[in-house]
Amino acid sequence: MITLKELAARCNVSIATVSNILNGKSNVGEETRQRILQVIKETGYRPNIMARGLRATKTKTIGLIVEDLTAFSSPWIIE
């Protein structure tokens, strides 16, 4: 899996530029935007959710402690 840093190096731009494009900011030239989006498509880049949560100090994850999942009245919540 390619990282944001490797993606920026492959496109010859800064990490901030790639981040701006991924976050939908419009302060990047159209040619650069298209080049980065093409490399993202070719490499299959996906942001690392765990890294994003660590950086933001918020993971939006809920932990459940249950004794028996089959006795849980709403198992669709766990999916």
N, C-alpha and C. Protein backbone atom coordinates (compact mmCIF):
# COMPACT_ATOMS: atom_id res chain seq x y z
N MET A 1 0.84 -1.18 0.00
CA MET A 1 0.00 0.00 0.00
C MET A 1 0.89 1.25 0.00
N ILE A 2 0.58 2.17 -0.87
CA ILE A 2 1.37 3.39 -1.01
C ILE A 2 0.94 4.40 0.07
N THR A 3 1.92 5.13 0.58
CA THR A 3 1.62 6.13 1.61
C THR A 3 1.48 7.51 0.97
N LEU A 4 0.98 8.45 1.75
CA LEU A 4 0.81 9.82 1.28
C LEU A 4 2.17 10.40 0.89
N LYS A 5 3.18 10.11 1.68
CA LYS A 5 4.54 10.61 1.41
C LYS A 5 5.08 10.05 0.09
N GLU A 6 4.88 8.76 -0.15
CA GLU A 6 5.33 8.13 -1.40
C GLU A 6 4.55 8.67 -2.59
N LEU A 7 3.28 8.93 -2.39
CA LEU A 7 2.43 9.49 -3.44
C LEU A 7 2.94 10.88 -3.84
N ALA A 8 3.25 11.69 -2.85
CA ALA A 8 3.77 13.04 -3.11
C ALA A 8 5.12 12.97 -3.84
N ALA A 9 5.99 12.06 -3.42
CA ALA A 9 7.29 11.91 -4.08
C ALA A 9 7.13 11.47 -5.52
N ARG A 10 6.20 10.56 -5.78
CA ARG A 10 5.97 10.07 -7.14
C ARG A 10 5.46 11.18 -8.05
N CYS A 11 4.69 12.11 -7.49
CA CYS A 11 4.12 13.22 -8.28
C CYS A 11 5.00 14.46 -8.28
N ASN A 12 6.11 14.43 -7.55
CA ASN A 12 7.02 15.58 -7.43
C ASN A 12 6.33 16.82 -6.87
N VAL A 13 5.51 16.61 -5.85
CA VAL A 13 4.84 17.71 -5.16
C VAL A 13 5.01 17.50 -3.66
N SER A 14 4.59 18.48 -2.88
CA SER A 14 4.69 18.35 -1.43
C SER A 14 3.54 17.50 -0.88
N ILE A 15 3.74 17.02 0.33
CA ILE A 15 2.70 16.25 1.02
C ILE A 15 1.47 17.13 1.21
N ALA A 16 1.69 18.41 1.50
CA ALA A 16 0.59 19.35 1.71
C ALA A 16 -0.27 19.49 0.45
N THR A 17 0.37 19.48 -0.71
CA THR A 17 -0.37 19.59 -1.97
C THR A 17 -1.28 18.38 -2.17
N VAL A 18 -0.77 17.18 -1.93
CA VAL A 18 -1.58 15.98 -2.06
C VAL A 18 -2.72 16.02 -1.05
N SER A 19 -2.41 16.43 0.17
CA SER A 19 -3.42 16.52 1.21
C SER A 19 -4.53 17.51 0.82
N ASN A 20 -4.14 18.64 0.26
CA ASN A 20 -5.14 19.63 -0.17
C ASN A 20 -6.07 19.05 -1.22
N ILE A 21 -5.54 18.29 -2.15
CA ILE A 21 -6.36 17.69 -3.19
C ILE A 21 -7.31 16.66 -2.59
N LEU A 22 -6.79 15.82 -1.71
CA LEU A 22 -7.63 14.79 -1.09
C LEU A 22 -8.73 15.39 -0.23
N ASN A 23 -8.48 16.57 0.34
CA ASN A 23 -9.47 17.21 1.20
C ASN A 23 -10.35 18.20 0.45
N GLY A 24 -10.21 18.25 -0.89
CA GLY A 24 -11.10 19.07 -1.71
C GLY A 24 -10.82 20.55 -1.71
N LYS A 25 -9.62 20.96 -1.33
CA LYS A 25 -9.30 22.39 -1.34
C LYS A 25 -8.95 22.81 -2.76
N SER A 26 -9.26 24.05 -3.08
CA SER A 26 -9.13 24.51 -4.46
C SER A 26 -7.87 25.33 -4.72
N ASN A 27 -6.89 25.29 -3.83
CA ASN A 27 -5.70 26.12 -4.01
C ASN A 27 -4.57 25.39 -4.74
N VAL A 28 -4.92 24.47 -5.64
CA VAL A 28 -3.95 23.70 -6.42
C VAL A 28 -4.33 23.84 -7.88
N GLY A 29 -3.31 23.98 -8.75
CA GLY A 29 -3.56 24.10 -10.18
C GLY A 29 -4.24 22.87 -10.76
N GLU A 30 -5.00 23.07 -11.81
CA GLU A 30 -5.78 21.97 -12.41
C GLU A 30 -4.88 20.89 -13.00
N GLU A 31 -3.78 21.26 -13.61
CA GLU A 31 -2.87 20.28 -14.19
C GLU A 31 -2.26 19.39 -13.09
N THR A 32 -1.86 20.01 -12.00
CA THR A 32 -1.30 19.26 -10.87
C THR A 32 -2.37 18.36 -10.25
N ARG A 33 -3.57 18.88 -10.11
CA ARG A 33 -4.68 18.10 -9.55
C ARG A 33 -4.93 16.85 -10.40
N GLN A 34 -4.99 17.00 -11.71
CA GLN A 34 -5.26 15.87 -12.60
C GLN A 34 -4.13 14.85 -12.55
N ARG A 35 -2.87 15.34 -12.48
CA ARG A 35 -1.72 14.43 -12.41
C ARG A 35 -1.76 13.60 -11.13
N ILE A 36 -2.07 14.24 -10.01
CA ILE A 36 -2.12 13.53 -8.72
C ILE A 36 -3.30 12.56 -8.70
N LEU A 37 -4.45 12.98 -9.18
CA LEU A 37 -5.62 12.10 -9.21
C LEU A 37 -5.37 10.88 -10.09
N GLN A 38 -4.62 11.06 -11.18
CA GLN A 38 -4.27 9.94 -12.06
C GLN A 38 -3.37 8.94 -11.33
N VAL A 39 -2.37 9.44 -10.60
CA VAL A 39 -1.47 8.55 -9.85
C VAL A 39 -2.24 7.84 -8.74
N ILE A 40 -3.16 8.54 -8.11
CA ILE A 40 -4.00 7.91 -7.07
C ILE A 40 -4.79 6.76 -7.67
N LYS A 41 -5.34 6.98 -8.86
CA LYS A 41 -6.12 5.95 -9.53
C LYS A 41 -5.24 4.76 -9.93
N GLU A 42 -4.05 5.04 -10.45
CA GLU A 42 -3.13 3.99 -10.89
C GLU A 42 -2.63 3.14 -9.72
N THR A 43 -2.34 3.78 -8.61
CA THR A 43 -1.76 3.06 -7.47
C THR A 43 -2.80 2.48 -6.52
N GLY A 44 -4.04 2.93 -6.63
CA GLY A 44 -5.08 2.45 -5.72
C GLY A 44 -4.93 3.02 -4.32
N TYR A 45 -4.38 4.22 -4.22
CA TYR A 45 -4.16 4.84 -2.91
C TYR A 45 -5.47 5.00 -2.15
N ARG A 46 -5.42 4.64 -0.87
CA ARG A 46 -6.54 4.86 0.04
C ARG A 46 -5.97 5.44 1.32
N PRO A 47 -6.58 6.48 1.87
CA PRO A 47 -6.07 7.05 3.12
C PRO A 47 -6.11 6.01 4.24
N ASN A 48 -5.11 6.06 5.11
CA ASN A 48 -5.03 5.15 6.25
C ASN A 48 -5.95 5.70 7.35
N ILE A 49 -7.05 5.02 7.59
CA ILE A 49 -8.04 5.47 8.56
C ILE A 49 -7.46 5.54 9.97
N MET A 50 -6.65 4.55 10.33
CA MET A 50 -6.06 4.54 11.67
C MET A 50 -5.10 5.71 11.85
N ALA A 51 -4.29 5.99 10.85
CA ALA A 51 -3.35 7.11 10.94
C ALA A 51 -4.11 8.43 11.03
N ARG A 52 -5.18 8.56 10.27
CA ARG A 52 -5.98 9.77 10.32
C ARG A 52 -6.60 9.97 11.70
N GLY A 53 -7.07 8.88 12.31
CA GLY A 53 -7.63 8.94 13.65
C GLY A 53 -6.60 9.32 14.69
N LEU A 54 -5.40 8.77 14.57
CA LEU A 54 -4.33 9.12 15.50
C LEU A 54 -3.94 10.59 15.39
N ARG A 55 -3.86 11.06 14.17
CA ARG A 55 -3.49 12.46 13.93
C ARG A 55 -4.56 13.42 14.47
N ALA A 56 -5.81 13.06 14.31
CA ALA A 56 -6.91 13.91 14.75
C ALA A 56 -7.25 13.68 16.22
N THR A 57 -6.61 12.68 16.83
CA THR A 57 -6.91 12.25 18.21
C THR A 57 -8.39 11.91 18.39
N LYS A 58 -9.00 11.46 17.32
CA LYS A 58 -10.40 11.06 17.35
C LYS A 58 -10.59 9.96 16.33
N THR A 59 -11.01 8.77 16.76
CA THR A 59 -11.12 7.66 15.83
C THR A 59 -12.55 7.38 15.39
N LYS A 60 -13.54 7.90 16.09
CA LYS A 60 -14.95 7.65 15.77
C LYS A 60 -15.24 6.15 15.79
N THR A 61 -14.63 5.45 16.74
CA THR A 61 -14.81 4.02 16.91
C THR A 61 -15.48 3.75 18.24
N ILE A 62 -16.39 2.80 18.23
CA ILE A 62 -17.10 2.41 19.45
C ILE A 62 -16.68 0.99 19.80
N GLY A 63 -16.34 0.77 21.06
CA GLY A 63 -15.99 -0.57 21.51
C GLY A 63 -17.16 -1.18 22.27
N LEU A 64 -17.39 -2.47 22.04
CA LEU A 64 -18.45 -3.19 22.73
C LEU A 64 -17.85 -4.35 23.51
N ILE A 65 -18.27 -4.50 24.73
CA ILE A 65 -17.88 -5.65 25.53
C ILE A 65 -19.15 -6.42 25.84
N VAL A 66 -19.25 -7.61 25.26
CA VAL A 66 -20.43 -8.43 25.48
C VAL A 66 -20.01 -9.84 25.85
N GLU A 67 -20.82 -10.50 26.63
CA GLU A 67 -20.51 -11.86 27.05
C GLU A 67 -20.80 -12.86 25.94
N ASP A 68 -21.95 -12.69 25.28
CA ASP A 68 -22.37 -13.65 24.27
C ASP A 68 -23.06 -12.89 23.14
N LEU A 69 -22.45 -12.88 21.95
CA LEU A 69 -23.02 -12.13 20.83
C LEU A 69 -24.37 -12.67 20.39
N THR A 70 -24.60 -13.96 20.55
CA THR A 70 -25.88 -14.52 20.12
C THR A 70 -27.03 -14.06 21.02
N ALA A 71 -26.73 -13.67 22.25
CA ALA A 71 -27.76 -13.19 23.16
C ALA A 71 -28.00 -11.69 23.00
N PHE A 72 -27.15 -11.04 22.22
CA PHE A 72 -27.27 -9.60 22.01
C PHE A 72 -28.53 -9.33 21.20
N SER A 73 -29.38 -8.45 21.65
CA SER A 73 -30.68 -8.25 21.02
C SER A 73 -30.62 -7.57 19.65
N SER A 74 -29.55 -6.89 19.34
CA SER A 74 -29.45 -6.18 18.06
C SER A 74 -28.12 -6.47 17.38
N PRO A 75 -27.89 -7.68 16.86
CA PRO A 75 -26.60 -8.00 16.26
C PRO A 75 -26.30 -7.20 15.01
N TRP A 76 -27.28 -6.62 14.35
CA TRP A 76 -27.03 -5.81 13.16
C TRP A 76 -26.23 -4.56 13.49
N ILE A 77 -26.23 -4.12 14.73
CA ILE A 77 -25.45 -2.96 15.13
C ILE A 77 -23.96 -3.26 15.04
N ILE A 78 -23.57 -4.48 15.31
CA ILE A 78 -22.16 -4.86 15.36
C ILE A 78 -21.55 -4.93 13.96
N GLU A 79 -22.33 -5.17 12.97
CA GLU A 79 -21.82 -5.29 11.60
C GLU A 79 -21.25 -4.05 11.16
